[in-house]
PDB file of N, CA and C in Angstrom:
ATOM      1  N   UNK A   1     109.643 109.832-107.128  1.00  0.00           N
ATOM      2  CA  UNK A   1     111.275 109.957-105.908  1.00  0.00           C
ATOM      3  C   UNK A   1     110.092 109.887-104.507  1.00  0.00           C
ATOM      4  N   UNK A   2     110.138 108.931-103.622  1.00  0.00           N
ATOM      5  CA  UNK A   2     109.669 108.738-102.599  1.00  0.00           C
ATOM      6  C   UNK A   2     110.362 109.717-101.830  1.00  0.00           C
ATOM      7  N   UNK A   3     109.457 110.343-100.766  1.00  0.00           N
ATOM      8  CA  UNK A   3     109.775 111.429 -99.713  1.00  0.00           C
ATOM      9  C   UNK A   3     110.826 110.488 -98.923  1.00  0.00           C
ATOM     10  N   UNK A   4     111.912 111.508 -98.635  1.00  0.00           N
ATOM     11  CA  UNK A   4     112.689 110.880 -97.264  1.00  0.00           C
ATOM     12  C   UNK A   4     111.944 111.387 -96.062  1.00  0.00           C
ATOM     13  N   UNK A   5     112.901 110.584 -94.949  1.00  0.00           N
ATOM     14  CA  UNK A   5     112.104 111.203 -93.643  1.00  0.00           C
ATOM     15  C   UNK A   5     113.214 111.236 -92.782  1.00  0.00           C
ATOM     16  N   UNK A   6     113.409 112.480 -92.280  1.00  0.00           N
ATOM     17  CA  UNK A   6     114.815 112.643 -91.417  1.00  0.00           C
ATOM     18  C   UNK A   6     114.517 112.694 -89.908  1.00  0.00           C
ATOM     19  N   UNK A   7     115.254 111.832 -89.258  1.00  0.00           N
ATOM     20  CA  UNK A   7     115.608 112.144 -87.794  1.00  0.00           C
ATOM     21  C   UNK A   7     115.421 112.949 -86.882  1.00  0.00           C
ATOM     22  N   UNK A   8     115.570 114.188 -87.916  1.00  0.00           N
ATOM     23  CA  UNK A   8     115.799 115.309 -87.108  1.00  0.00           C
ATOM     24  C   UNK A   8     114.666 115.610 -86.054  1.00  0.00           C
ATOM     25  N   UNK A   9     113.477 115.271 -87.139  1.00  0.00           N
ATOM     26  CA  UNK A   9     112.052 115.768 -87.000  1.00  0.00           C
ATOM     27  C   UNK A   9     111.654 115.336 -85.691  1.00  0.00           C
ATOM     28  N   UNK A  10     112.391 113.943 -85.342  1.00  0.00           N
ATOM     29  CA  UNK A  10     111.574 113.419 -83.995  1.00  0.00           C
ATOM     30  C   UNK A  10     112.983 113.932 -82.950  1.00  0.00           C
ATOM     31  N   UNK A  11     113.641 114.647 -82.829  1.00  0.00           N
ATOM     32  CA  UNK A  11     114.737 114.787 -81.752  1.00  0.00           C
ATOM     33  C   UNK A  11     114.751 115.693 -80.591  1.00  0.00           C
ATOM     34  N   UNK A  12     113.543 116.460 -80.916  1.00  0.00           N
ATOM     35  CA  UNK A  12     113.244 117.111 -79.551  1.00  0.00           C
ATOM     36  C   UNK A  12     112.478 116.735 -78.427  1.00  0.00           C
ATOM     37  N   UNK A  13     111.822 115.814 -79.282  1.00  0.00           N
ATOM     38  CA  UNK A  13     110.632 114.523 -78.172  1.00  0.00           C
ATOM     39  C   UNK A  13     111.596 113.966 -77.656  1.00  0.00           C
ATOM     40  N   UNK A  14     112.330 113.265 -78.589  1.00  0.00           N
ATOM     41  CA  UNK A  14     113.018 111.970 -77.854  1.00  0.00           C
ATOM     42  C   UNK A  14     114.470 112.521 -77.211  1.00  0.00           C
ATOM     43  N   UNK A  15     114.730 113.974 -77.507  1.00  0.00           N
ATOM     44  CA  UNK A  15     115.917 114.279 -76.363  1.00  0.00           C
ATOM     45  C   UNK A  15     114.683 114.899 -74.869  1.00  0.00           C
ATOM     46  N   UNK A  16     113.786 114.955 -74.834  1.00  0.00           N
ATOM     47  CA  UNK A  16     112.995 115.619 -73.545  1.00  0.00           C
ATOM     48  C   UNK A  16     112.732 113.960 -72.957  1.00  0.00           C
ATOM     49  N   UNK A  17     112.721 113.003 -73.816  1.00  0.00           N
ATOM     50  CA  UNK A  17     111.994 111.793 -73.132  1.00  0.00           C
ATOM     51  C   UNK A  17     113.423 111.493 -72.310  1.00  0.00           C
ATOM     52  N   UNK A  18     114.410 111.042 -73.201  1.00  0.00           N
ATOM     53  CA  UNK A  18     115.684 110.827 -72.466  1.00  0.00           C
ATOM     54  C   UNK A  18     115.831 111.607 -71.350  1.00  0.00           C
ATOM     55  N   UNK A  19     115.911 112.998 -71.516  1.00  0.00           N
ATOM     56  CA  UNK A  19     115.893 113.683 -69.903  1.00  0.00           C
ATOM     57  C   UNK A  19     115.036 113.224 -68.971  1.00  0.00           C
ATOM     58  N   UNK A  20     114.143 113.251 -69.572  1.00  0.00           N
ATOM     59  CA  UNK A  20     113.017 112.926 -68.014  1.00  0.00           C
ATOM     60  C   UNK A  20     113.132 111.719 -67.973  1.00  0.00           C
ATOM     61  N   UNK A  21     113.353 110.643 -68.636  1.00  0.00           N
ATOM     62  CA  UNK A  21     114.069 109.071 -67.879  1.00  0.00           C
ATOM     63  C   UNK A  21     115.251 109.507 -67.210  1.00  0.00           C
ATOM     64  N   UNK A  22     116.094 110.267 -67.393  1.00  0.00           N
ATOM     65  CA  UNK A  22     117.444 110.473 -66.463  1.00  0.00           C
ATOM     66  C   UNK A  22     117.115 111.030 -65.239  1.00  0.00           C
ATOM     67  N   UNK A  23     116.131 112.012 -65.513  1.00  0.00           N
ATOM     68  CA  UNK A  23     115.523 112.360 -63.611  1.00  0.00           C
ATOM     69  C   UNK A  23     115.008 111.431 -62.898  1.00  0.00           C
ATOM     70  N   UNK A  24     114.017 110.922 -63.904  1.00  0.00           N
ATOM     71  CA  UNK A  24     113.296 109.692 -63.357  1.00  0.00           C
ATOM     72  C   UNK A  24     114.070 109.063 -62.548  1.00  0.00           C
ATOM     73  N   UNK A  25     115.099 108.050 -63.101  1.00  0.00           N
ATOM     74  CA  UNK A  25     115.740 107.324 -62.423  1.00  0.00           C
ATOM     75  C   UNK A  25     116.587 107.646 -61.493  1.00  0.00           C
ATOM     76  N   UNK A  26     116.757 108.737 -61.409  1.00  0.00           N
ATOM     77  CA  UNK A  26     117.557 109.523 -60.070  1.00  0.00           C
ATOM     78  C   UNK A  26     116.792 109.507 -58.908  1.00  0.00           C
ATOM     79  N   UNK A  27     115.451 109.811 -59.201  1.00  0.00           N
ATOM     80  CA  UNK A  27     114.268 110.285 -58.027  1.00  0.00           C
ATOM     81  C   UNK A  27     113.382 109.085 -57.800  1.00  0.00           C
ATOM     82  N   UNK A  28     113.339 108.150 -58.901  1.00  0.00           N
ATOM     83  CA  UNK A  28     112.391 106.976 -58.305  1.00  0.00           C
ATOM     84  C   UNK A  28     112.973 105.984 -58.307  1.00  0.00           C
ATOM     85  N   UNK A  29     112.648 105.337 -56.912  1.00  0.00           N
ATOM     86  CA  UNK A  29     113.191 103.497 -56.686  1.00  0.00           C
ATOM     87  C   UNK A  29     113.115 102.535 -57.751  1.00  0.00           C
ATOM     88  N   UNK A  30     112.235 102.660 -58.386  1.00  0.00           N
ATOM     89  CA  UNK A  30     111.536 101.552 -58.778  1.00  0.00           C
ATOM     90  C   UNK A  30     112.374 101.926 -60.105  1.00  0.00           C
ATOM     91  N   UNK A  31     112.550 102.739 -60.641  1.00  0.00           N
ATOM     92  CA  UNK A  31     113.121 103.221 -61.777  1.00  0.00           C
ATOM     93  C   UNK A  31     114.837 103.320 -61.693  1.00  0.00           C
ATOM     94  N   UNK A  32     115.306 103.495 -60.664  1.00  0.00           N
ATOM     95  CA  UNK A  32     116.453 103.535 -60.515  1.00  0.00           C
ATOM     96  C   UNK A  32     117.034 101.822 -60.278  1.00  0.00           C
ATOM     97  N   UNK A  33     116.284 101.114 -59.669  1.00  0.00           N
ATOM     98  CA  UNK A  33     116.624  99.636 -59.870  1.00  0.00           C
ATOM     99  C   UNK A  33     116.717  99.206 -60.976  1.00  0.00           C
ATOM    100  N   UNK A  34     115.527  99.396 -62.152  1.00  0.00           N
ATOM    101  CA  UNK A  34     115.506  99.392 -63.476  1.00  0.00           C
ATOM    102  C   UNK A  34     116.588  99.689 -64.388  1.00  0.00           C
ATOM    103  N   UNK A  35     117.093 100.623 -63.981  1.00  0.00           N
ATOM    104  CA  UNK A  35     118.253 101.349 -64.563  1.00  0.00           C
ATOM    105  C   UNK A  35     119.113 100.459 -64.423  1.00  0.00           C
ATOM    106  N   UNK A  36     119.840 100.537 -62.848  1.00  0.00           N
ATOM    107  CA  UNK A  36     120.914  99.588 -62.140  1.00  0.00           C
ATOM    108  C   UNK A  36     121.074  98.019 -62.695  1.00  0.00           C
ATOM    109  N   UNK A  37     119.757  97.686 -62.958  1.00  0.00           N
ATOM    110  CA  UNK A  37     119.722  96.078 -63.285  1.00  0.00           C
ATOM    111  C   UNK A  37     120.383  96.224 -64.552  1.00  0.00           C
ATOM    112  N   UNK A  38     119.844  97.164 -65.875  1.00  0.00           N
ATOM    113  CA  UNK A  38     120.567  97.357 -66.987  1.00  0.00           C
ATOM    114  C   UNK A  38     121.884  97.315 -66.854  1.00  0.00           C
ATOM    115  N   UNK A  39     121.994  98.033 -66.058  1.00  0.00           N
ATOM    116  CA  UNK A  39     123.582  98.494 -65.881  1.00  0.00           C
ATOM    117  C   UNK A  39     124.452  97.454 -65.561  1.00  0.00           C
ATOM    118  N   UNK A  40     123.847  96.419 -64.661  1.00  0.00           N
ATOM    119  CA  UNK A  40     124.688  95.342 -63.926  1.00  0.00           C
ATOM    120  C   UNK A  40     124.502  94.195 -65.109  1.00  0.00           C
ATOM    121  N   UNK A  41     123.615  93.965 -66.272  1.00  0.00           N
ATOM    122  CA  UNK A  41     123.556  93.114 -67.225  1.00  0.00           C
ATOM    123  C   UNK A  41     124.699  93.706 -68.358  1.00  0.00           C
ATOM    124  N   UNK A  42     125.386  94.313 -68.258  1.00  0.00           N
ATOM    125  CA  UNK A  42     126.009  94.862 -69.174  1.00  0.00           C
ATOM    126  C   UNK A  42     125.863  96.199 -70.457  1.00  0.00           C
ATOM    127  N   UNK A  43     124.682  97.083 -69.977  1.00  0.00           N
ATOM    128  CA  UNK A  43     124.508  97.910 -70.981  1.00  0.00           C
ATOM    129  C   UNK A  43     124.908  99.467 -70.466  1.00  0.00           C
ATOM    130  N   UNK A  44     125.480 100.104 -71.584  1.00  0.00           N
ATOM    131  CA  UNK A  44     126.194 101.440 -71.550  1.00  0.00           C
ATOM    132  C   UNK A  44     124.813 102.122 -70.933  1.00  0.00           C
ATOM    133  N   UNK A  45     125.508 103.546 -70.303  1.00  0.00           N
ATOM    134  CA  UNK A  45     124.541 104.139 -69.724  1.00  0.00           C
ATOM    135  C   UNK A  45     123.560 104.728 -70.586  1.00  0.00           C
ATOM    136  N   UNK A  46     123.923 105.201 -71.566  1.00  0.00           N
ATOM    137  CA  UNK A  46     122.969 105.464 -72.884  1.00  0.00           C
ATOM    138  C   UNK A  46     121.659 104.885 -73.115  1.00  0.00           C
ATOM    139  N   UNK A  47     122.561 103.361 -73.663  1.00  0.00           N
ATOM    140  CA  UNK A  47     121.325 102.334 -73.736  1.00  0.00           C
ATOM    141  C   UNK A  47     120.244 101.958 -72.367  1.00  0.00           C
ATOM    142  N   UNK A  48     120.606 102.290 -71.303  1.00  0.00           N
ATOM    143  CA  UNK A  48     120.102 101.952 -70.126  1.00  0.00           C
ATOM    144  C   UNK A  48     119.351 102.997 -69.874  1.00  0.00           C
ATOM    145  N   UNK A  49     119.749 104.180 -69.744  1.00  0.00           N
ATOM    146  CA  UNK A  49     118.894 105.365 -69.979  1.00  0.00           C
ATOM    147  C   UNK A  49     117.457 105.419 -71.136  1.00  0.00           C
ATOM    148  N   UNK A  50     117.985 104.708 -72.529  1.00  0.00           N
ATOM    149  CA  UNK A  50     117.206 104.522 -73.259  1.00  0.00           C
ATOM    150  C   UNK A  50     115.763 103.473 -72.879  1.00  0.00           C
ATOM    151  N   UNK A  51     116.622 102.472 -72.430  1.00  0.00           N
ATOM    152  CA  UNK A  51     115.569 101.402 -71.889  1.00  0.00           C
ATOM    153  C   UNK A  51     114.696 102.004 -70.803  1.00  0.00           C
ATOM    154  N   UNK A  52     115.531 102.446 -69.818  1.00  0.00           N
ATOM    155  CA  UNK A  52     114.576 103.741 -68.813  1.00  0.00           C
ATOM    156  C   UNK A  52     113.257 104.321 -69.476  1.00  0.00           C
ATOM    157  N   UNK A  53     113.918 105.006 -70.730  1.00  0.00           N
ATOM    158  CA  UNK A  53     112.745 105.541 -71.354  1.00  0.00           C
ATOM    159  C   UNK A  53     111.561 105.161 -71.891  1.00  0.00           C
ATOM    160  N   UNK A  54     111.947 103.853 -72.432  1.00  0.00           N
ATOM    161  CA  UNK A  54     111.115 103.067 -72.649  1.00  0.00           C
ATOM    162  C   UNK A  54     109.648 102.210 -72.159  1.00  0.00           C
ATOM    163  N   UNK A  55     110.459 102.550 -70.789  1.00  0.00           N
ATOM    164  CA  UNK A  55     109.628 101.766 -69.791  1.00  0.00           C
ATOM    165  C   UNK A  55     108.731 102.737 -69.372  1.00  0.00           C
ATOM    166  N   UNK A  56     109.364 104.156 -68.839  1.00  0.00           N
ATOM    167  CA  UNK A  56     108.599 105.465 -68.836  1.00  0.00           C
ATOM    168  C   UNK A  56     107.732 105.496 -69.369  1.00  0.00           C
ATOM    169  N   UNK A  57     107.569 105.370 -70.864  1.00  0.00           N
ATOM    170  CA  UNK A  57     106.187 105.561 -71.551  1.00  0.00           C
ATOM    171  C   UNK A  57     105.256 104.553 -71.448  1.00  0.00           C
ATOM    172  N   UNK A  58     106.094 103.125 -71.266  1.00  0.00           N
ATOM    173  CA  UNK A  58     105.029 101.968 -70.845  1.00  0.00           C
ATOM    174  C   UNK A  58     104.311 102.580 -69.572  1.00  0.00           C
ATOM    175  N   UNK A  59     104.802 102.625 -68.489  1.00  0.00           N
ATOM    176  CA  UNK A  59     104.019 103.385 -67.063  1.00  0.00           C
ATOM    177  C   UNK A  59     103.164 104.436 -67.932  1.00  0.00           C
ATOM    178  N   UNK A  60     103.466 105.832 -68.488  1.00  0.00           N
ATOM    179  CA  UNK A  60     102.568 106.732 -68.630  1.00  0.00           C
ATOM    180  C   UNK A  60     101.660 106.152 -69.358  1.00  0.00           C
ATOM    181  N   UNK A  61     101.645 105.348 -70.309  1.00  0.00           N
ATOM    182  CA  UNK A  61     100.211 105.158 -71.316  1.00  0.00           C
ATOM    183  C   UNK A  61      99.738 104.102 -70.661  1.00  0.00           C
ATOM    184  N   UNK A  62     100.268 103.522 -69.417  1.00  0.00           N
ATOM    185  CA  UNK A  62      98.998 102.546 -68.651  1.00  0.00           C
ATOM    186  C   UNK A  62      98.518 103.037 -67.951  1.00  0.00           C
ATOM    187  N   UNK A  63      99.076 104.357 -66.997  1.00  0.00           N
ATOM    188  CA  UNK A  63      98.163 104.984 -66.413  1.00  0.00           C
ATOM    189  C   UNK A  63      97.179 106.054 -67.013  1.00  0.00           C
ATOM    190  N   UNK A  64      97.586 106.754 -68.364  1.00  0.00           N
ATOM    191  CA  UNK A  64      96.564 107.422 -68.812  1.00  0.00           C
ATOM    192  C   UNK A  64      95.521 106.361 -69.647  1.00  0.00           C
ATOM    193  N   UNK A  65      95.804 105.533 -70.039  1.00  0.00           N
ATOM    194  CA  UNK A  65      94.887 104.242 -70.647  1.00  0.00           C
ATOM    195  C   UNK A  65      93.718 103.978 -69.482  1.00  0.00           C
ATOM    196  N   UNK A  66      94.445 103.990 -67.954  1.00  0.00           N
ATOM    197  CA  UNK A  66      93.424 103.458 -67.113  1.00  0.00           C
ATOM    198  C   UNK A  66      93.006 104.477 -65.904  1.00  0.00           C
ATOM    199  N   UNK A  67      93.554 105.615 -66.428  1.00  0.00           N
ATOM    200  CA  UNK A  67      93.225 106.660 -65.610  1.00  0.00           C
ATOM    201  C   UNK A  67      93.453 106.762 -64.286  1.00  0.00           C
ATOM    202  N   UNK A  68      94.751 106.301 -64.020  1.00  0.00           N
ATOM    203  CA  UNK A  68      95.033 106.140 -62.541  1.00  0.00           C
ATOM    204  C   UNK A  68      96.248 107.159 -62.392  1.00  0.00           C
ATOM    205  N   UNK A  69      96.711 107.359 -61.276  1.00  0.00           N
ATOM    206  CA  UNK A  69      97.694 108.480 -60.844  1.00  0.00           C
ATOM    207  C   UNK A  69      98.864 107.378 -60.558  1.00  0.00           C
ATOM    208  N   UNK A  70     100.155 108.046 -60.950  1.00  0.00           N
ATOM    209  CA  UNK A  70     101.261 107.123 -60.271  1.00  0.00           C
ATOM    210  C   UNK A  70     101.652 107.482 -58.907  1.00  0.00           C
ATOM    211  N   UNK A  71     102.034 106.421 -58.044  1.00  0.00           N
ATOM    212  CA  UNK A  71     102.244 106.775 -56.741  1.00  0.00           C
ATOM    213  C   UNK A  71     103.620 106.098 -56.557  1.00  0.00           C
ATOM    214  N   UNK A  72     104.781 106.938 -56.875  1.00  0.00           N
ATOM    215  CA  UNK A  72     105.687 106.460 -56.092  1.00  0.00           C
ATOM    216  C   UNK A  72     106.280 105.801 -54.431  1.00  0.00           C
ATOM    217  N   UNK A  73     107.192 104.517 -54.722  1.00  0.00           N
ATOM    218  CA  UNK A  73     106.909 104.350 -53.203  1.00  0.00           C
ATOM    219  C   UNK A  73     108.337 104.432 -52.857  1.00  0.00           C
TER     220      UNK A  73
END
């Protein structure tokens, strides 16, 4: 019998990422614009924050990969 994978194991990191994205969109102009664009396109708040979280992950990955520091504008 195959082992089942529970989504509860990813709950805490996912929740932390969601909260980080929510705070980031409130304090960083570029992420706020990205979030607002998603809302204008008809996304619900949680979907827009989730998209912002995905963008935040991409940015963090790029910064780490390229050994750069983030500069808010």
